[in-house]
Protein backbone atom coordinates (compact mmCIF):
# COMPACT_ATOMS: atom_id res chain seq x y z
CA MET A 1 99.70 45.76 51.31
CA ASP A 2 96.98 43.12 51.40
CA GLY A 3 93.67 44.22 50.18
CA GLY A 4 92.01 44.39 53.52
CA ARG A 5 94.47 46.43 55.27
CA LEU A 6 93.87 48.83 52.57
CA ASP A 7 90.14 48.92 52.95
CA ARG A 8 90.53 50.03 56.75
CA LEU A 9 93.13 52.78 55.97
CA THR A 10 90.84 54.25 52.84
CA PRO A 11 88.00 56.47 53.36
CA SER A 12 84.96 54.64 52.30
CA CYS A 13 84.56 57.08 49.77
CA PHE A 14 87.35 56.76 47.84
CA GLN A 15 87.19 52.82 47.50
CA ARG A 16 86.64 51.19 44.34
CA GLY A 17 83.47 49.51 44.37
CA ARG A 18 81.67 51.90 46.71
CA ALA A 19 78.61 53.47 46.70
CA GLU A 20 79.31 56.88 45.71
CA ALA A 21 77.02 59.98 46.79
CA GLY A 22 73.51 59.20 45.92
CA PRO A 23 70.60 62.14 44.73
CA ASP A 24 69.50 61.95 48.53
CA SER A 25 72.37 62.66 50.09
CA GLY A 26 72.61 66.66 49.60
CA SER A 27 75.28 66.55 47.09
CA HIS A 28 76.52 65.24 43.78
CA GLN A 29 79.92 65.11 41.75
CA THR A 30 81.19 67.99 39.51
CA ARG A 31 84.56 67.95 37.33
CA GLY A 32 85.68 65.02 39.58
CA ARG A 33 84.80 67.22 42.84
CA TYR A 34 82.26 66.53 45.35
CA VAL A 35 79.61 69.35 45.36
CA HIS A 36 77.23 70.06 48.73
CA THR A 37 74.26 71.81 49.79
CA TYR A 38 74.89 74.35 52.59
CA GLU A 39 73.04 76.84 54.26
CA LEU A 40 74.73 80.24 55.49
CA MET A 41 72.93 82.84 58.18
CA ILE A 42 74.81 86.35 58.06
CA ILE A 43 73.76 88.71 61.15
CA SER A 44 74.91 91.92 59.55
CA ASN A 45 75.43 95.25 61.67
CA GLY A 46 72.44 97.00 62.76
CA ALA A 47 73.74 100.00 62.16
CA LEU A 48 73.72 99.99 58.49
CA ASP A 49 71.06 100.65 55.91
CA GLU A 50 69.42 98.69 53.35
CA ASN A 51 71.70 99.34 50.74
CA GLY A 52 74.83 98.55 53.26
CA VAL A 53 73.42 94.89 53.71
CA THR A 54 72.35 94.73 50.49
CA SER A 55 75.90 95.08 49.14
CA THR A 56 77.07 92.98 52.23
CA VAL A 57 75.13 89.88 51.04
CA GLU A 58 76.12 90.78 47.10
CA ARG A 59 79.63 90.20 47.52
CA PHE A 60 79.10 86.89 49.42
CA THR A 61 76.90 85.75 46.79
CA LYS A 62 79.67 86.68 44.62
CA ALA A 63 82.25 84.98 46.81
CA ILE A 64 80.08 81.76 46.25
CA THR A 65 80.12 81.69 42.79
CA ASP A 66 83.15 82.82 42.22
CA GLN A 67 84.47 79.75 44.50
CA GLY A 68 82.50 77.49 41.94
CA GLY A 69 79.45 77.59 43.88
CA ALA A 70 75.77 78.34 43.20
CA VAL A 71 73.26 80.40 45.49
CA GLU A 72 69.85 78.49 45.27
CA ARG A 73 68.17 81.41 47.42
CA VAL A 74 68.66 84.01 49.29
CA ASP A 75 66.48 85.12 52.38
CA HIS A 76 66.16 88.34 53.90
CA TRP A 77 65.07 88.40 57.55
CA GLY A 78 65.07 91.68 58.19
CA LYS A 79 66.14 93.64 61.25
CA ARG A 80 65.76 91.36 64.46
CA GLN A 81 66.49 92.28 68.38
CA PHE A 82 69.45 90.50 69.61
CA ALA A 83 68.89 88.18 72.69
CA TYR A 84 71.69 89.81 74.61
CA GLU A 85 74.73 91.95 73.48
CA ILE A 86 76.87 91.45 71.15
CA GLU A 87 79.86 93.78 70.51
CA HIS A 88 77.61 96.37 71.85
CA MET A 89 74.91 95.95 69.20
CA ASN A 90 71.23 95.38 70.67
CA GLU A 91 69.93 94.42 66.81
CA GLY A 92 71.35 93.24 63.74
CA TYR A 93 70.36 92.21 60.02
CA TYR A 94 69.63 88.54 59.53
CA THR A 95 70.02 87.08 56.01
CA VAL A 96 70.05 83.30 55.48
CA ILE A 97 71.64 82.18 51.35
CA ASP A 98 70.74 78.55 50.72
CA PHE A 99 74.06 77.59 48.06
CA GLN A 100 76.10 74.70 46.67
CA MET A 101 79.54 74.25 46.49
CA PRO A 102 82.59 72.60 46.28
CA GLY A 103 83.80 71.52 50.11
CA PRO A 104 87.25 73.28 49.52
CA GLY A 105 85.36 76.75 48.78
CA ILE A 106 83.77 76.70 51.86
CA ALA A 107 87.18 77.79 53.76
CA GLU A 108 87.76 80.77 51.85
CA LEU A 109 84.23 81.63 52.29
CA ASP A 110 84.61 81.29 55.95
CA ARG A 111 87.83 83.54 56.14
CA GLN A 112 86.14 86.54 54.65
CA LEU A 113 83.35 86.24 56.67
CA ARG A 114 85.57 86.57 59.97
CA ILE A 115 87.50 89.73 58.69
CA THR A 116 84.55 91.70 57.19
CA ASP A 117 83.67 94.10 59.59
CA GLU A 118 79.92 94.91 58.59
CA VAL A 119 79.22 90.95 59.37
CA VAL A 120 78.32 90.53 63.52
CA ARG A 121 78.01 86.63 63.27
CA HIS A 122 78.08 83.73 60.71
CA LYS A 123 77.08 80.25 60.73
CA ILE A 124 77.62 78.17 57.60
CA ILE A 125 75.66 74.62 58.06
CA ARG A 126 75.54 71.76 55.86
CA PRO A 127 71.45 70.75 56.14
CA SER A 128 70.11 67.01 56.85
CA HIS A 129 68.25 65.91 53.44
CA ARG A 130 65.07 67.95 53.08
CA ILE A 131 62.01 65.46 52.30
CA LYS A 132 58.45 66.67 51.30
CA ARG A 133 55.86 64.76 52.91
CA ALA A 134 52.79 63.30 50.45
CA SER A 135 49.68 64.68 51.71
């Protein structure tokens, strides 16, 4: 295979001599694996008490660290009303977790969130790079 065809078939991140993910891209490389920054929002069942919500969140922060990630911040928003009824519920506890994790661990985290009864809804995103403005 000629070099030109190989360049077309190989993703640019794997091509030799190409720039890797830089410090401003929201990812870095650790032991051969790229670690990305993610944001997870969990809506826990409104029927739970504060201890139940805390134990649910702790279970998923442990799952993140078990998959090789690192939790940066946990932000509890408290109990909020839903805009519409979800699974016969009108309210739930909102929690946002900022963390870093290698990409392959996200699938397992998502699977665990989907099968947990205490979690009504969840969403995992890779936020764009946040830039602080000079004042």
